[in-house]
Each structure stands twice: as structure tokens, then as C-alpha cells.
Amino acid sequence: MTEQALAGVRVVELADELGSYCGRLLADLGAEVIKVEPPGGGRQRNSAPFLAGHEGNPDASLAFWVHNTSKQSVVLDLETEEGRTAARKLALSADILIEDNPVGFLATRGLGYQDLHAAKPSLVYTSITGFGQTGPHAGWAYSDIVGQAMGGIMTLAGEPVDPPNMIYGHQADISASIQAAQGALMALLHAEATGNGQLVDVSAQEAISMSQETAMQTWDFQKKNRVRAGAQGGIPIAIPGSGTLKTKDGYILLYIIAPAGGDLPDLIDWMREEGKAADLDDEPYASLISQLNMGWLTQLMGNPEDAMKYIPLLPHVNEVIATFFADKTSREAYEVGQERRLLIGIVSTPKDLAENTQLRARDWFVQFPEAPAGKPVEFPGPPYRLSESPAIISRPPRLGEHTAAVLGALT
């Protein structure tokens, strides 16, 4: 078997919801990741949803599975001297330590950066917290919804009439974990070259704020706050060939006015071939459609007087296009549209992803013949493909599954 990218790297993880995905990214790349868990498991182990028929079983939490593949599990009680002693020995056997505890929590237990760095200068100590190790908010309570709110993305999510929206999943936690994995690997390269480890200080607020993209710069340079734009995006009017439309069995997203692929006349050609172009070949619609692309639209929006000639025509064009797609399945609209070089995508449900022909053709899903609980399961694959040192996903560990073996090997 080809050796994995991080084979030979040992990681000790004292993390729960905020930092566990960081450990997973390293574990799937071949690092030996030893997850230290409290008796009974942490929050993630005990979070719904659970595998059907195994509700409440800490080995059957799907939330835990997603963030903890390919790891080992050791149970230690850090509130006891015995647990702290074992955790210190384990930490000093590692190349990288990952932790997401409140600032100062591990230091008061003899497991802080200064303590471990003094004992092992090459150790990369990766701390993932809500607001970082310093500053007036460093000790403040954190959860994912706090990270999303304080990171700024909630004010940009949803329709304009909505209050701020929380986006699905633990996106602040995941963003922080991704940045932590990058930082830990950069620090590991430095440690391997110089023998000097360091503290990698990751703030979830800072990590998720990058998802705002240009919003902060808009304030910096224009003193304007970006606001929720919803389905229309940054364009304040409903443009034909752009946005979400209903189909017979779901939804599709069109972005035909983008400067790529076919243009709106190509969509009308398709509709005409099926006898469903209605009156769009008549004036004044024909002239509008013949020139409607992103370049023309950008120029038009800079000339309000000309824009008002065309804006009243847009709702009817949208209505005819919506009627055309309402009679098709999402897959038909997507596949035929792509054949015609039209930017159309399926708004995929989890079921759609499980049945997606592209993902199936690439053998993306992996099998866990020996699941942590229940029958064998199929699981989403890695977020990247390395041709020479592949990511290999193995099942998440059962609670405390490796305690005896790991602690028994410590000297």
C-alpha cells in the first residue's frame, strides 16, 4: 500500500466540537490521531442525530462520526491526578497537540503550552478557541452560533426581509478546524526543519470571518455594510436565466447570464425547439433577450433611464422560463442544460448526493464494514484526492476503544 502523506506523525487531540474536524483531516491523511475523551464521552459523542435504533449510544452519534474518522479513542479523566499524568505522558509523545478548551483550562491542569513546550520544545501546540488566546474576549463563552454571529456571516445569510440567519451545520467550528489543520502542518514543517515547535493560536471568529469575502473590504473602502441579498445575489432585480427555479421534483439553480457557457438566447433556442418559447420571439422581448448578458446588464445598471425601459419586461420573461422548467425533472434540466453549455445545476438534497452519478463514478463513497455501532455503513469520502499519498478514511473509534493499548505502550 502507498504510504499516506502524514504517516509517522503522532497527534494527540484534546478536543470536542470545535477542534475535532482538525484532527479528522490529519487522521485521514495517515497521522496517528489519539483522541482523549472524558468518561462517558464529550458533547459531540452525545449529540443527535444517532444511527436509527441506537439513539443515545455514544458510539452511534452521526455528528461524532463525521468529525472523528480514522482516530483512536482513549478515555482519561483530567480531573484526577492519574488522568492528568497519563495525558501529559501522551502529549509529550506527540508531534502535534490539538485542543479546543477554554483559555487557561489545560494550563491549570499542567497541560498548557508553556508546560509542555518546556518539556518538549519541538511540540506543535494547536489551540482552537472562539476568540483566540488573547484580547478582551479571550475568556468569553463560545458555541458555533456565537462564532457565526460574531464572525459576521449571519448578517449576510438569508433573504433581505429576514432577520440574520444561521447557516446549516457547525460552519464556524469547521472553518476554525480547517485553518488549524493548515497552521499545525506549517508549524510541523518548521519544527522538523529547526527543532522548534510553537503555539498555533486559532480563533473561530477570525476563521469564519473569511467567509464574508469582500464584505469587510466594502466597509473599509466604501463605508457601506453589505446586506442579505437572498436568491437574487448582488443584483437587485430578478434577471432571466438567473436564480432558483422549481422543477417537477425539486429545484435547479440557473446562472446563464454569467460570462461562461451559453447565453440566454441559447436557452430560448431550447425552449423554442420544444414549442415552449411562448411570445419570447416577439417584440419587445426578442430584442431584450438577444443582448441580455452580464456585460450588457452591467452597462445597463449604470444608466437608470435606459434600465427603466427594460425592467418592466423582466417578470414576463422569468415567468415563461419558470413554466418551461416546472415541467422537467431537476436531472433532466441539469443534464440537457449542460449538454447545451448552459450553467444549470441541481439544488441537491442529501438524497441527490447519495445517488449522484458523478460521485458514484468516482467511487467517492467509502464503506465501513465494521461500523462503530449497527450494521456496515457507507460514508462520504475525503475532500481531496492525492495521487501518491492518498487520504484513507477508516471508521470512527468506539469510546475508549484504544485506552489500554495506547496507555500500555507509554514509557
Protein backbone atom coordinates (compact mmCIF):
# COMPACT_ATOMS: atom_id res chain seq x y z
CA MET A 1 0.00 0.00 0.00
CA THR A 2 1.18 3.52 -0.80
CA GLU A 3 2.30 5.36 2.31
CA GLN A 4 -0.04 8.17 3.35
CA ALA A 5 1.09 11.78 3.46
CA LEU A 6 1.22 12.07 7.26
CA ALA A 7 2.35 8.54 8.09
CA GLY A 8 4.63 8.61 11.14
CA VAL A 9 3.12 11.81 12.60
CA ARG A 10 1.54 11.40 16.02
CA VAL A 11 -1.26 13.77 17.07
CA VAL A 12 -2.89 13.92 20.48
CA GLU A 13 -6.31 15.56 20.41
CA LEU A 14 -7.96 17.01 23.50
CA ALA A 15 -10.85 18.49 21.55
CA ASP A 16 -14.59 18.20 21.17
CA GLU A 17 -16.95 20.02 18.77
CA LEU A 18 -14.71 22.95 17.85
CA GLY A 19 -11.46 21.14 17.08
CA SER A 20 -12.39 17.58 16.19
CA TYR A 21 -12.55 18.16 12.42
CA CYS A 22 -8.95 19.38 12.53
CA GLY A 23 -7.94 16.00 13.94
CA ARG A 24 -10.00 14.19 11.34
CA LEU A 25 -8.27 15.98 8.46
CA LEU A 26 -4.89 14.86 9.79
CA ALA A 27 -6.06 11.34 10.64
CA ASP A 28 -7.49 10.67 7.18
CA LEU A 29 -4.10 11.66 5.74
CA GLY A 30 -2.38 8.99 7.79
CA ALA A 31 -1.43 10.69 11.04
CA GLU A 32 -1.90 8.63 14.18
CA VAL A 33 -4.52 10.74 15.94
CA ILE A 34 -5.26 9.76 19.53
CA LYS A 35 -8.42 11.43 20.78
CA VAL A 36 -8.52 11.91 24.56
CA GLU A 37 -12.12 11.81 25.79
CA PRO A 38 -13.72 12.23 29.21
CA PRO A 39 -15.60 9.34 30.82
CA GLY A 40 -18.93 8.98 29.02
CA GLY A 41 -17.67 10.97 26.02
CA GLY A 42 -17.93 14.66 25.22
CA ARG A 43 -20.75 16.74 23.76
CA GLN A 44 -20.22 15.52 20.23
CA ARG A 45 -20.45 11.84 21.22
CA ASN A 46 -23.81 12.53 22.79
CA SER A 47 -25.29 14.72 20.06
CA ALA A 48 -28.15 13.79 17.74
CA PRO A 49 -28.77 12.52 15.16
CA PHE A 50 -27.95 8.91 16.06
CA LEU A 51 -27.92 5.82 13.90
CA ALA A 52 -31.52 4.61 13.74
CA GLY A 53 -32.22 2.18 16.54
CA HIS A 54 -29.18 3.29 18.55
CA GLU A 55 -30.44 6.60 19.95
CA GLY A 56 -28.37 7.79 22.91
CA ASN A 57 -25.50 5.41 22.20
CA PRO A 58 -22.24 7.45 22.28
CA ASP A 59 -20.80 5.11 19.63
CA ALA A 60 -23.69 5.84 17.26
CA SER A 61 -23.74 9.66 17.03
CA LEU A 62 -23.58 10.66 13.38
CA ALA A 63 -22.35 14.10 14.46
CA PHE A 64 -19.38 12.38 16.09
CA TRP A 65 -18.79 10.06 13.13
CA VAL A 66 -18.49 12.91 10.63
CA HIS A 67 -15.72 14.67 12.59
CA ASN A 68 -13.80 11.72 14.01
CA THR A 69 -12.97 9.16 11.37
CA SER A 70 -9.63 7.34 11.38
CA LYS A 71 -8.82 8.19 15.02
CA GLN A 72 -8.11 6.21 18.17
CA SER A 73 -10.03 6.85 21.39
CA VAL A 74 -8.51 6.99 24.88
CA VAL A 75 -10.65 7.81 27.92
CA LEU A 76 -8.95 9.89 30.64
CA ASP A 77 -10.42 11.93 33.47
CA LEU A 78 -8.43 15.17 33.59
CA GLU A 79 -10.00 15.99 36.94
CA THR A 80 -7.88 13.26 38.54
CA GLU A 81 -4.14 13.19 39.14
CA GLU A 82 -3.89 9.85 37.41
CA GLY A 83 -5.69 11.16 34.33
CA ARG A 84 -3.56 14.30 34.12
CA THR A 85 -0.34 12.31 34.48
CA ALA A 86 -1.34 9.95 31.69
CA ALA A 87 -2.44 12.84 29.48
CA ARG A 88 0.91 14.60 29.98
CA LYS A 89 2.85 11.48 29.01
CA LEU A 90 0.67 11.05 25.99
CA ALA A 91 1.02 14.71 24.94
CA LEU A 92 4.81 14.53 25.21
CA SER A 93 4.82 11.52 22.87
CA ALA A 94 3.17 13.59 20.13
CA ASP A 95 4.39 15.77 17.29
CA ILE A 96 1.18 17.85 17.34
CA LEU A 97 -1.30 18.52 20.13
CA ILE A 98 -4.80 19.82 19.27
CA GLU A 99 -7.03 21.33 21.95
CA ASP A 100 -10.19 23.42 22.00
CA ASN A 101 -10.71 24.01 25.70
CA PRO A 102 -11.45 27.41 27.28
CA VAL A 103 -8.38 29.60 27.61
CA GLY A 104 -6.38 28.51 30.65
CA PHE A 105 -8.27 25.24 31.23
CA LEU A 106 -5.37 22.96 30.35
CA ALA A 107 -2.75 25.24 31.89
CA THR A 108 -4.37 24.86 35.32
CA ARG A 109 -4.05 21.10 34.88
CA GLY A 110 -0.36 21.14 33.94
CA LEU A 111 -1.12 20.63 30.24
CA GLY A 112 -0.76 24.19 28.93
CA TYR A 113 1.55 25.31 26.15
CA GLN A 114 4.27 26.66 28.44
CA ASP A 115 4.41 23.45 30.49
CA LEU A 116 4.58 21.11 27.52
CA HIS A 117 6.84 23.31 25.39
CA ALA A 118 9.39 23.42 28.22
CA ALA A 119 9.38 19.63 28.39
CA LYS A 120 9.35 19.10 24.60
CA PRO A 121 10.45 22.17 22.59
CA SER A 122 9.57 20.56 19.23
CA LEU A 123 5.88 20.05 20.08
CA VAL A 124 3.37 21.90 17.89
CA TYR A 125 0.63 23.03 20.26
CA THR A 126 -2.56 23.92 18.35
CA SER A 127 -5.21 25.77 20.35
CA ILE A 128 -8.61 26.38 18.78
CA THR A 129 -10.94 28.70 20.68
CA GLY A 130 -13.83 31.02 19.96
CA PHE A 131 -11.82 34.25 20.06
CA GLY A 132 -8.16 33.32 20.42
CA GLN A 133 -5.77 33.18 23.35
CA THR A 134 -5.51 36.94 23.90
CA GLY A 135 -7.69 40.04 23.82
CA PRO A 136 -10.70 41.16 25.85
CA HIS A 137 -12.92 38.34 24.52
CA ALA A 138 -10.43 35.51 25.02
CA GLY A 139 -12.25 34.08 28.01
CA TRP A 140 -15.77 34.53 26.68
CA ALA A 141 -18.12 31.57 26.22
CA TYR A 142 -18.35 30.17 22.71
CA SER A 143 -20.56 27.91 20.62
CA ASP A 144 -20.93 27.62 16.85
CA ILE A 145 -23.87 30.04 16.66
CA VAL A 146 -21.79 32.60 18.56
CA GLY A 147 -18.95 32.10 16.06
CA GLN A 148 -21.28 32.59 13.10
CA ALA A 149 -22.78 35.72 14.63
CA MET A 150 -19.50 37.28 15.78
CA GLY A 151 -17.78 36.32 12.52
CA GLY A 152 -20.28 38.38 10.53
CA ILE A 153 -21.79 35.78 8.20
CA MET A 154 -25.24 35.67 9.83
CA THR A 155 -25.93 39.25 8.78
CA LEU A 156 -25.31 38.21 5.15
CA ALA A 157 -27.36 34.97 5.16
CA GLY A 158 -31.00 34.77 4.04
CA GLU A 159 -33.49 36.95 2.24
CA PRO A 160 -33.48 40.75 2.64
CA VAL A 161 -36.70 40.66 4.68
CA ASP A 162 -35.29 38.03 7.07
CA PRO A 163 -33.58 38.59 10.38
CA PRO A 164 -29.96 37.37 10.41
CA ASN A 165 -29.83 33.66 9.51
CA MET A 166 -27.66 30.86 10.88
CA ILE A 167 -26.26 28.74 8.05
CA TYR A 168 -26.59 24.97 8.33
CA GLY A 169 -24.08 22.91 10.26
CA HIS A 170 -21.26 23.87 12.57
CA GLN A 171 -19.63 26.08 9.97
CA ALA A 172 -17.70 28.29 12.40
CA ASP A 173 -16.28 25.19 14.09
CA ILE A 174 -15.37 23.59 10.77
CA SER A 175 -13.76 26.78 9.44
CA ALA A 176 -11.65 27.03 12.59
CA SER A 177 -10.63 23.37 12.31
CA ILE A 178 -9.60 23.75 8.67
CA GLN A 179 -7.44 26.77 9.46
CA ALA A 180 -6.00 24.95 12.47
CA ALA A 181 -5.02 21.96 10.35
CA GLN A 182 -3.19 24.25 7.93
CA GLY A 183 -1.47 26.11 10.74
CA ALA A 184 -0.47 22.90 12.51
CA LEU A 185 1.08 21.44 9.36
CA MET A 186 3.02 24.64 8.63
CA ALA A 187 4.29 24.66 12.20
CA LEU A 188 5.22 20.98 11.90
CA LEU A 189 7.33 21.72 8.82
CA HIS A 190 9.10 24.45 10.78
CA ALA A 191 9.61 22.13 13.76
CA GLU A 192 11.03 19.38 11.59
CA ALA A 193 13.46 21.86 10.00
CA THR A 194 14.55 23.67 13.17
CA GLY A 195 13.56 21.52 16.14
CA ASN A 196 11.42 24.38 17.45
CA GLY A 197 7.73 23.87 17.99
CA GLN A 198 5.31 26.70 18.59
CA LEU A 199 1.82 27.71 19.65
CA VAL A 200 -0.72 27.76 16.81
CA ASP A 201 -3.45 30.11 18.07
CA VAL A 202 -6.69 29.79 16.06
CA SER A 203 -9.78 31.97 16.59
CA ALA A 204 -13.10 30.70 15.23
CA GLN A 205 -14.28 34.30 14.87
CA GLU A 206 -11.31 35.09 12.65
CA ALA A 207 -11.59 31.86 10.68
CA ILE A 208 -15.29 32.18 9.80
CA SER A 209 -14.96 35.90 9.04
CA MET A 210 -13.11 34.93 5.85
CA SER A 211 -16.45 33.64 4.52
CA GLN A 212 -17.60 37.26 4.23
CA GLU A 213 -15.25 37.57 1.24
CA THR A 214 -15.48 41.24 0.15
CA ALA A 215 -17.92 42.42 2.82
CA MET A 216 -15.26 43.77 5.18
CA GLN A 217 -13.43 45.44 2.31
CA THR A 218 -16.68 47.07 1.20
CA TRP A 219 -16.85 48.73 4.60
CA ASP A 220 -13.15 49.58 4.62
CA PHE A 221 -13.19 51.30 1.25
CA GLN A 222 -16.78 52.44 0.78
CA LYS A 223 -18.10 52.68 4.36
CA LYS A 224 -21.12 50.58 3.33
CA ASN A 225 -22.39 47.50 5.12
CA ARG A 226 -23.18 44.60 2.82
CA VAL A 227 -26.67 43.21 3.48
CA ARG A 228 -28.59 40.00 2.87
CA ALA A 229 -29.33 39.60 -0.82
CA GLY A 230 -31.07 36.21 -0.81
CA ALA A 231 -31.73 34.37 -4.06
CA GLN A 232 -31.10 37.46 -6.21
CA GLY A 233 -27.50 37.74 -5.08
CA GLY A 234 -25.85 41.08 -5.65
CA ILE A 235 -28.24 42.16 -8.42
CA PRO A 236 -31.33 43.94 -7.05
CA ILE A 237 -33.70 42.71 -9.80
CA ALA A 238 -34.76 39.24 -10.97
CA ILE A 239 -32.72 38.64 -14.13
CA PRO A 240 -33.93 35.98 -16.61
CA GLY A 241 -31.73 32.90 -16.55
CA SER A 242 -30.51 33.60 -13.04
CA GLY A 243 -31.69 32.24 -9.70
CA THR A 244 -33.53 29.25 -8.25
CA LEU A 245 -36.47 27.66 -10.09
CA LYS A 246 -38.91 24.89 -9.17
CA THR A 247 -38.91 21.65 -11.16
CA LYS A 248 -41.18 18.60 -11.09
CA ASP A 249 -39.15 17.02 -8.30
CA GLY A 250 -37.09 19.76 -6.68
CA TYR A 251 -35.14 22.85 -7.62
CA ILE A 252 -32.41 23.96 -10.00
CA LEU A 253 -30.11 26.96 -9.96
CA LEU A 254 -29.57 28.92 -13.18
CA TYR A 255 -26.71 31.32 -13.80
CA ILE A 256 -26.95 31.62 -17.55
CA ILE A 257 -26.07 35.32 -17.59
CA ALA A 258 -22.61 34.52 -16.21
CA PRO A 259 -19.69 35.19 -18.59
CA ALA A 260 -19.23 31.48 -19.27
CA GLY A 261 -21.10 28.84 -21.25
CA GLY A 262 -24.15 29.59 -23.34
CA ASP A 263 -26.15 32.83 -23.14
CA LEU A 264 -29.85 33.46 -22.73
CA PRO A 265 -30.60 33.09 -26.50
CA ASP A 266 -29.29 29.51 -26.24
CA LEU A 267 -31.86 28.77 -23.53
CA ILE A 268 -34.62 30.30 -25.66
CA ASP A 269 -33.47 28.09 -28.58
CA TRP A 270 -34.04 25.04 -26.38
CA MET A 271 -37.46 26.30 -25.34
CA ARG A 272 -38.38 27.07 -28.97
CA GLU A 273 -37.39 23.55 -30.10
CA GLU A 274 -39.91 22.16 -27.60
CA GLY A 275 -42.57 24.66 -28.59
CA LYS A 276 -42.45 26.43 -25.22
CA ALA A 277 -40.93 29.81 -26.03
CA ALA A 278 -44.41 31.37 -25.93
CA ASP A 279 -44.17 35.01 -27.10
CA LEU A 280 -40.48 35.50 -26.34
CA ASP A 281 -39.69 35.63 -30.07
CA ASP A 282 -41.97 38.64 -30.36
CA GLU A 283 -41.10 42.25 -29.60
CA PRO A 284 -40.24 43.79 -27.26
CA TYR A 285 -38.93 40.56 -25.70
CA ALA A 286 -36.85 39.36 -28.66
CA SER A 287 -34.62 42.46 -28.66
CA LEU A 288 -34.12 42.25 -24.90
CA ILE A 289 -33.17 38.56 -24.98
CA SER A 290 -30.78 38.94 -27.90
CA GLN A 291 -28.49 41.24 -25.92
CA LEU A 292 -29.05 40.20 -22.28
CA ASN A 293 -25.74 39.07 -20.86
CA MET A 294 -23.61 40.14 -17.93
CA GLY A 295 -21.66 42.78 -19.87
CA TRP A 296 -24.80 44.43 -21.25
CA LEU A 297 -26.51 44.21 -17.87
CA THR A 298 -23.58 45.89 -16.10
CA GLN A 299 -23.71 48.78 -18.54
CA LEU A 300 -27.47 49.00 -18.26
CA MET A 301 -27.44 49.22 -14.47
CA GLY A 302 -25.18 52.25 -14.78
CA ASN A 303 -27.86 54.04 -16.81
CA PRO A 304 -31.10 54.12 -14.80
CA GLU A 305 -33.06 55.81 -17.59
CA ASP A 306 -32.37 53.01 -20.07
CA ALA A 307 -32.83 50.38 -17.37
CA MET A 308 -36.40 51.50 -16.76
CA LYS A 309 -37.24 50.66 -20.38
CA TYR A 310 -36.41 47.02 -19.83
CA ILE A 311 -37.09 46.25 -16.15
CA PRO A 312 -40.90 46.03 -16.68
CA LEU A 313 -40.32 43.28 -19.28
CA LEU A 314 -38.34 41.00 -16.99
CA PRO A 315 -41.15 39.44 -14.92
CA HIS A 316 -42.87 38.01 -18.01
CA VAL A 317 -39.64 36.53 -19.36
CA ASN A 318 -38.98 34.99 -15.96
CA GLU A 319 -42.50 33.55 -15.88
CA VAL A 320 -42.12 31.83 -19.26
CA ILE A 321 -38.73 30.36 -18.29
CA ALA A 322 -40.12 29.17 -14.94
CA THR A 323 -43.05 27.47 -16.70
CA PHE A 324 -40.61 25.68 -19.03
CA PHE A 325 -38.57 24.18 -16.20
CA ALA A 326 -41.56 23.41 -13.99
CA ASP A 327 -42.42 20.57 -16.38
CA LYS A 328 -38.95 18.95 -16.18
CA THR A 329 -37.16 16.93 -13.54
CA SER A 330 -34.10 18.52 -11.98
CA ARG A 331 -31.85 15.86 -13.50
CA GLU A 332 -33.28 16.42 -17.00
CA ALA A 333 -32.87 20.18 -16.72
CA TYR A 334 -29.30 19.76 -15.49
CA GLU A 335 -28.10 17.14 -17.96
CA VAL A 336 -29.70 18.60 -21.10
CA GLY A 337 -28.70 22.10 -20.00
CA GLN A 338 -25.10 21.05 -19.55
CA GLU A 339 -25.09 19.43 -23.00
CA ARG A 340 -26.12 22.84 -24.33
CA ARG A 341 -23.38 24.59 -22.30
CA LEU A 342 -25.94 26.31 -20.07
CA LEU A 343 -24.96 26.93 -16.46
CA ILE A 344 -27.66 24.93 -14.70
CA GLY A 345 -27.15 22.93 -11.53
CA ILE A 346 -29.33 20.75 -9.33
CA VAL A 347 -30.06 22.15 -5.87
CA SER A 348 -29.04 18.83 -4.37
CA THR A 349 -30.66 17.24 -1.35
CA PRO A 350 -28.71 14.67 0.72
CA LYS A 351 -30.61 12.00 -1.23
CA ASP A 352 -29.46 13.57 -4.52
CA LEU A 353 -25.84 13.45 -3.37
CA ALA A 354 -26.15 9.81 -2.33
CA GLU A 355 -27.42 8.99 -5.84
CA ASN A 356 -25.22 11.43 -7.76
CA THR A 357 -23.80 9.76 -10.87
CA GLN A 358 -20.59 11.81 -10.79
CA LEU A 359 -19.80 10.91 -7.17
CA ARG A 360 -20.65 7.26 -7.85
CA ALA A 361 -18.49 7.16 -10.97
CA ARG A 362 -15.51 8.45 -8.96
CA ASP A 363 -16.08 5.91 -6.17
CA TRP A 364 -16.20 8.75 -3.67
CA PHE A 365 -18.19 6.93 -1.01
CA VAL A 366 -16.35 4.55 1.31
CA GLN A 367 -17.53 1.51 3.24
CA PHE A 368 -17.18 0.84 6.94
CA PRO A 369 -17.61 -2.95 7.11
CA GLU A 370 -17.19 -2.79 10.89
CA ALA A 371 -19.19 0.27 11.92
CA PRO A 372 -18.81 1.67 15.46
CA ALA A 373 -22.44 0.63 16.01
CA GLY A 374 -25.03 -1.20 13.94
CA LYS A 375 -24.61 -2.73 10.51
CA PRO A 376 -21.93 -1.86 7.92
CA VAL A 377 -22.42 1.66 6.58
CA GLU A 378 -21.50 3.79 3.58
CA PHE A 379 -19.80 7.08 4.34
CA PRO A 380 -18.85 10.28 2.45
CA GLY A 381 -15.31 10.27 1.11
CA PRO A 382 -12.37 12.66 1.59
CA PRO A 383 -12.46 16.31 0.46
CA TYR A 384 -9.32 15.87 -1.66
CA ARG A 385 -7.52 13.26 -3.77
CA LEU A 386 -3.77 12.75 -3.53
CA SER A 387 -2.45 10.50 -6.29
CA GLU A 388 0.68 9.33 -4.47
CA SER A 389 -0.17 9.56 -0.76
CA PRO A 390 -3.94 9.15 -0.57
CA ALA A 391 -6.40 10.01 2.16
CA ILE A 392 -7.84 6.77 3.53
CA ILE A 393 -10.89 7.01 5.76
CA SER A 394 -11.47 4.37 8.41
CA ARG A 395 -14.34 4.19 10.86
CA PRO A 396 -14.60 6.43 13.94
CA PRO A 397 -13.46 4.82 17.20
CA ARG A 398 -15.71 3.44 19.88
CA LEU A 399 -15.50 5.32 23.15
CA GLY A 400 -12.29 4.29 24.94
CA GLU A 401 -11.58 1.57 22.38
CA HIS A 402 -7.81 2.11 22.43
CA THR A 403 -7.25 3.17 26.04
CA ALA A 404 -5.47 0.03 27.22
CA ALA A 405 -3.28 -0.36 24.14
CA VAL A 406 -2.21 3.29 23.92
CA LEU A 407 -1.52 3.81 27.63
CA GLY A 408 0.18 0.45 27.88
CA ALA A 409 2.69 1.50 25.23
CA LEU A 410 3.70 4.67 27.08
CA THR A 411 7.02 4.52 28.96
